[in-house]
Structures are given as C-alpha cells and as structure tokens.
C-alpha cells in the first residue's frame, strides 16, 4: 500500500524499492496493479500521517 500511495502522489518523481530476494521484488511490484485509492482510504492514510 505504501508504494502505491507514493506512486499516486504527483510530487514524487521516483520510488526506490529495496529487495533482498526476487520474491520480495515481485511482491513489491504488485502495487502497480492497484494505484488508486477511494476518498475513504485517502482520508484514513492522511489521518495516520497527521498523528
């Protein structure tokens, strides 16, 4: 979720992904399948970041 959230932010020009195995890299790349959030999800994330 964190990678997808970063990718949706127009201020972010790149996201570095650290992986110690191919499996970990493939798991991280799954975020490309869902880079959109609804308003409720975005409000929840923003609430966490402000606390």
PDB file of N, CA and C in Angstrom:
ATOM      1  N   UNK A   1       0.818  -1.174   0.000  1.00  0.00           N
ATOM      2  CA  UNK A   1       0.000   0.000   0.000  1.00  0.00           C
ATOM      3  C   UNK A   1       0.871   1.250   0.000  1.00  0.00           C
ATOM      4  N   UNK A   2       1.954   1.228   0.755  1.00  0.00           N
ATOM      5  CA  UNK A   2       2.816   2.415   0.840  1.00  0.00           C
ATOM      6  C   UNK A   2       3.408   2.770  -0.519  1.00  0.00           C
ATOM      7  N   UNK A   3       3.832   1.781  -1.269  1.00  0.00           N
ATOM      8  CA  UNK A   3       4.392   2.057  -2.595  1.00  0.00           C
ATOM      9  C   UNK A   3       3.332   2.626  -3.530  1.00  0.00           C
ATOM     10  N   UNK A   4       2.138   2.069  -3.501  1.00  0.00           N
ATOM     11  CA  UNK A   4       1.056   2.569  -4.349  1.00  0.00           C
ATOM     12  C   UNK A   4       0.696   3.997  -3.963  1.00  0.00           C
ATOM     13  N   UNK A   5       0.699   4.305  -2.657  1.00  0.00           N
ATOM     14  CA  UNK A   5       0.377   5.654  -2.205  1.00  0.00           C
ATOM     15  C   UNK A   5       1.431   6.644  -2.707  1.00  0.00           C
ATOM     16  N   UNK A   6       2.690   6.260  -2.656  1.00  0.00           N
ATOM     17  CA  UNK A   6       3.749   7.130  -3.166  1.00  0.00           C
ATOM     18  C   UNK A   6       3.606   7.364  -4.666  1.00  0.00           C
ATOM     19  N   UNK A   7       3.279   6.324  -5.399  1.00  0.00           N
ATOM     20  CA  UNK A   7       3.168   6.440  -6.850  1.00  0.00           C
ATOM     21  C   UNK A   7       2.014   7.332  -7.285  1.00  0.00           C
ATOM     22  N   UNK A   8       0.976   7.455  -6.472  1.00  0.00           N
ATOM     23  CA  UNK A   8      -0.165   8.293  -6.853  1.00  0.00           C
ATOM     24  C   UNK A   8       0.107   9.772  -6.599  1.00  0.00           C
ATOM     25  N   UNK A   9       1.135  10.079  -5.825  1.00  0.00           N
ATOM     26  CA  UNK A   9       1.459  11.466  -5.468  1.00  0.00           C
ATOM     27  C   UNK A   9       2.265  12.115  -6.592  1.00  0.00           C
ATOM     28  N   UNK A  10       1.726  13.143  -7.203  1.00  0.00           N
ATOM     29  CA  UNK A  10       2.385  13.803  -8.338  1.00  0.00           C
ATOM     30  C   UNK A  10       3.693  14.491  -7.947  1.00  0.00           C
ATOM     31  N   UNK A  11       3.895  14.754  -6.653  1.00  0.00           N
ATOM     32  CA  UNK A  11       5.145  15.361  -6.193  1.00  0.00           C
ATOM     33  C   UNK A  11       6.302  14.368  -6.191  1.00  0.00           C
ATOM     34  N   UNK A  12       5.982  13.087  -6.158  1.00  0.00           N
ATOM     35  CA  UNK A  12       7.003  12.032  -6.106  1.00  0.00           C
ATOM     36  C   UNK A  12       7.385  11.665  -7.535  1.00  0.00           C
ATOM     37  N   UNK A  13       8.663  11.795  -7.855  1.00  0.00           N
ATOM     38  CA  UNK A  13       9.109  11.509  -9.223  1.00  0.00           C
ATOM     39  C   UNK A  13       9.706  10.121  -9.366  1.00  0.00           C
ATOM     40  N   UNK A  14      10.078   9.490  -8.255  1.00  0.00           N
ATOM     41  CA  UNK A  14      10.591   8.120  -8.325  1.00  0.00           C
ATOM     42  C   UNK A  14      10.430   7.456  -6.965  1.00  0.00           C
ATOM     43  N   UNK A  15      10.339   6.156  -6.989  1.00  0.00           N
ATOM     44  CA  UNK A  15      10.223   5.361  -5.770  1.00  0.00           C
ATOM     45  C   UNK A  15      11.294   4.286  -5.825  1.00  0.00           C
ATOM     46  N   UNK A  16      12.137   4.255  -4.817  1.00  0.00           N
ATOM     47  CA  UNK A  16      13.174   3.232  -4.751  1.00  0.00           C
ATOM     48  C   UNK A  16      12.645   2.041  -3.965  1.00  0.00           C
ATOM     49  N   UNK A  17      12.822   0.872  -4.525  1.00  0.00           N
ATOM     50  CA  UNK A  17      12.354  -0.346  -3.883  1.00  0.00           C
ATOM     51  C   UNK A  17      13.569  -1.184  -3.526  1.00  0.00           C
ATOM     52  N   UNK A  18      13.732  -1.444  -2.250  1.00  0.00           N
ATOM     53  CA  UNK A  18      14.821  -2.307  -1.805  1.00  0.00           C
ATOM     54  C   UNK A  18      14.296  -3.721  -1.634  1.00  0.00           C
ATOM     55  N   UNK A  19      15.005  -4.674  -2.170  1.00  0.00           N
ATOM     56  CA  UNK A  19      14.575  -6.070  -2.059  1.00  0.00           C
ATOM     57  C   UNK A  19      15.799  -6.943  -1.854  1.00  0.00           C
ATOM     58  N   UNK A  20      15.667  -7.913  -0.980  1.00  0.00           N
ATOM     59  CA  UNK A  20      16.777  -8.836  -0.741  1.00  0.00           C
ATOM     60  C   UNK A  20      16.577 -10.162  -1.457  1.00  0.00           C
ATOM     61  N   UNK A  21      15.453 -10.289  -2.181  1.00  0.00           N
ATOM     62  CA  UNK A  21      15.213 -11.506  -2.949  1.00  0.00           C
ATOM     63  C   UNK A  21      14.293 -11.174  -4.126  1.00  0.00           C
ATOM     64  N   UNK A  22      14.291 -12.036  -5.104  1.00  0.00           N
ATOM     65  CA  UNK A  22      13.409 -11.853  -6.257  1.00  0.00           C
ATOM     66  C   UNK A  22      11.951 -11.908  -5.821  1.00  0.00           C
ATOM     67  N   UNK A  23      11.648 -12.767  -4.874  1.00  0.00           N
ATOM     68  CA  UNK A  23      10.273 -12.884  -4.379  1.00  0.00           C
ATOM     69  C   UNK A  23       9.811 -11.575  -3.737  1.00  0.00           C
ATOM     70  N   UNK A  24      10.689 -10.952  -2.982  1.00  0.00           N
ATOM     71  CA  UNK A  24      10.340  -9.681  -2.346  1.00  0.00           C
ATOM     72  C   UNK A  24      10.115  -8.589  -3.400  1.00  0.00           C
ATOM     73  N   UNK A  25      10.926  -8.564  -4.430  1.00  0.00           N
ATOM     74  CA  UNK A  25      10.766  -7.597  -5.510  1.00  0.00           C
ATOM     75  C   UNK A  25       9.435  -7.810  -6.234  1.00  0.00           C
ATOM     76  N   UNK A  26       9.123  -9.054  -6.563  1.00  0.00           N
ATOM     77  CA  UNK A  26       7.856  -9.358  -7.239  1.00  0.00           C
ATOM     78  C   UNK A  26       6.667  -8.967  -6.374  1.00  0.00           C
ATOM     79  N   UNK A  27       6.770  -9.180  -5.071  1.00  0.00           N
ATOM     80  CA  UNK A  27       5.696  -8.800  -4.166  1.00  0.00           C
ATOM     81  C   UNK A  27       5.517  -7.280  -4.158  1.00  0.00           C
ATOM     82  N   UNK A  28       6.609  -6.538  -4.154  1.00  0.00           N
ATOM     83  CA  UNK A  28       6.537  -5.075  -4.173  1.00  0.00           C
ATOM     84  C   UNK A  28       5.948  -4.558  -5.477  1.00  0.00           C
ATOM     85  N   UNK A  29       6.256  -5.207  -6.579  1.00  0.00           N
ATOM     86  CA  UNK A  29       5.758  -4.766  -7.877  1.00  0.00           C
ATOM     87  C   UNK A  29       4.256  -4.969  -8.046  1.00  0.00           C
ATOM     88  N   UNK A  30       3.662  -5.781  -7.193  1.00  0.00           N
ATOM     89  CA  UNK A  30       2.212  -5.997  -7.249  1.00  0.00           C
ATOM     90  C   UNK A  30       1.436  -4.716  -7.000  1.00  0.00           C
ATOM     91  N   UNK A  31       2.094  -3.731  -6.373  1.00  0.00           N
ATOM     92  CA  UNK A  31       1.396  -2.468  -6.110  1.00  0.00           C
ATOM     93  C   UNK A  31       1.006  -1.775  -7.405  1.00  0.00           C
ATOM     94  N   UNK A  32       1.658  -2.108  -8.513  1.00  0.00           N
ATOM     95  CA  UNK A  32       1.321  -1.494  -9.792  1.00  0.00           C
ATOM     96  C   UNK A  32      -0.057  -1.918 -10.287  1.00  0.00           C
ATOM     97  N   UNK A  33      -0.604  -2.986  -9.714  1.00  0.00           N
ATOM     98  CA  UNK A  33      -1.942  -3.449 -10.090  1.00  0.00           C
ATOM     99  C   UNK A  33      -3.049  -2.607  -9.482  1.00  0.00           C
ATOM    100  N   UNK A  34      -2.720  -1.823  -8.456  1.00  0.00           N
ATOM    101  CA  UNK A  34      -3.738  -1.005  -7.789  1.00  0.00           C
ATOM    102  C   UNK A  34      -3.095   0.282  -7.281  1.00  0.00           C
ATOM    103  N   UNK A  35      -3.130   1.310  -8.097  1.00  0.00           N
ATOM    104  CA  UNK A  35      -2.525   2.584  -7.706  1.00  0.00           C
ATOM    105  C   UNK A  35      -3.575   3.649  -7.413  1.00  0.00           C
ATOM    106  N   UNK A  36      -4.821   3.250  -7.286  1.00  0.00           N
ATOM    107  CA  UNK A  36      -5.864   4.227  -6.983  1.00  0.00           C
ATOM    108  C   UNK A  36      -6.463   3.936  -5.612  1.00  0.00           C
ATOM    109  N   UNK A  37      -6.881   5.008  -4.956  1.00  0.00           N
ATOM    110  CA  UNK A  37      -7.486   4.905  -3.638  1.00  0.00           C
ATOM    111  C   UNK A  37      -8.795   5.684  -3.668  1.00  0.00           C
ATOM    112  N   UNK A  38      -9.778   5.197  -2.925  1.00  0.00           N
ATOM    113  CA  UNK A  38     -11.011   5.974  -2.840  1.00  0.00           C
ATOM    114  C   UNK A  38     -10.856   7.029  -1.740  1.00  0.00           C
ATOM    115  N   UNK A  39     -11.828   7.896  -1.628  1.00  0.00           N
ATOM    116  CA  UNK A  39     -11.745   9.025  -0.698  1.00  0.00           C
ATOM    117  C   UNK A  39     -11.608   8.559   0.753  1.00  0.00           C
ATOM    118  N   UNK A  40     -12.307   7.512   1.120  1.00  0.00           N
ATOM    119  CA  UNK A  40     -12.245   6.999   2.492  1.00  0.00           C
ATOM    120  C   UNK A  40     -10.839   6.499   2.803  1.00  0.00           C
ATOM    121  N   UNK A  41     -10.246   5.765   1.864  1.00  0.00           N
ATOM    122  CA  UNK A  41      -8.887   5.259   2.072  1.00  0.00           C
ATOM    123  C   UNK A  41      -7.884   6.405   2.189  1.00  0.00           C
ATOM    124  N   UNK A  42      -7.996   7.400   1.303  1.00  0.00           N
ATOM    125  CA  UNK A  42      -7.088   8.547   1.351  1.00  0.00           C
ATOM    126  C   UNK A  42      -7.236   9.315   2.660  1.00  0.00           C
ATOM    127  N   UNK A  43      -8.449   9.512   3.115  1.00  0.00           N
ATOM    128  CA  UNK A  43      -8.655  10.194   4.396  1.00  0.00           C
ATOM    129  C   UNK A  43      -8.046   9.406   5.561  1.00  0.00           C
ATOM    130  N   UNK A  44      -8.165   8.096   5.520  1.00  0.00           N
ATOM    131  CA  UNK A  44      -7.562   7.258   6.545  1.00  0.00           C
ATOM    132  C   UNK A  44      -6.052   7.369   6.564  1.00  0.00           C
ATOM    133  N   UNK A  45      -5.450   7.330   5.379  1.00  0.00           N
ATOM    134  CA  UNK A  45      -3.991   7.437   5.273  1.00  0.00           C
ATOM    135  C   UNK A  45      -3.534   8.812   5.758  1.00  0.00           C
ATOM    136  N   UNK A  46      -4.207   9.858   5.299  1.00  0.00           N
ATOM    137  CA  UNK A  46      -3.842  11.218   5.722  1.00  0.00           C
ATOM    138  C   UNK A  46      -3.982  11.390   7.227  1.00  0.00           C
ATOM    139  N   UNK A  47      -5.013  10.777   7.820  1.00  0.00           N
ATOM    140  CA  UNK A  47      -5.197  10.840   9.262  1.00  0.00           C
ATOM    141  C   UNK A  47      -4.056  10.195  10.018  1.00  0.00           C
ATOM    142  N   UNK A  48      -3.577   9.081   9.510  1.00  0.00           N
ATOM    143  CA  UNK A  48      -2.442   8.401  10.134  1.00  0.00           C
ATOM    144  C   UNK A  48      -1.192   9.257  10.027  1.00  0.00           C
ATOM    145  N   UNK A  49      -0.977   9.871   8.877  1.00  0.00           N
ATOM    146  CA  UNK A  49       0.214  10.676   8.673  1.00  0.00           C
ATOM    147  C   UNK A  49       0.224  11.933   9.538  1.00  0.00           C
ATOM    148  N   UNK A  50      -0.944  12.468   9.851  1.00  0.00           N
ATOM    149  CA  UNK A  50      -1.020  13.687  10.658  1.00  0.00           C
ATOM    150  C   UNK A  50      -0.863  13.408  12.140  1.00  0.00           C
ATOM    151  N   UNK A  51      -1.058  12.158  12.561  1.00  0.00           N
ATOM    152  CA  UNK A  51      -0.982  11.849  14.000  1.00  0.00           C
ATOM    153  C   UNK A  51       0.425  11.583  14.464  1.00  0.00           C
TER     154      UNK A  51
END
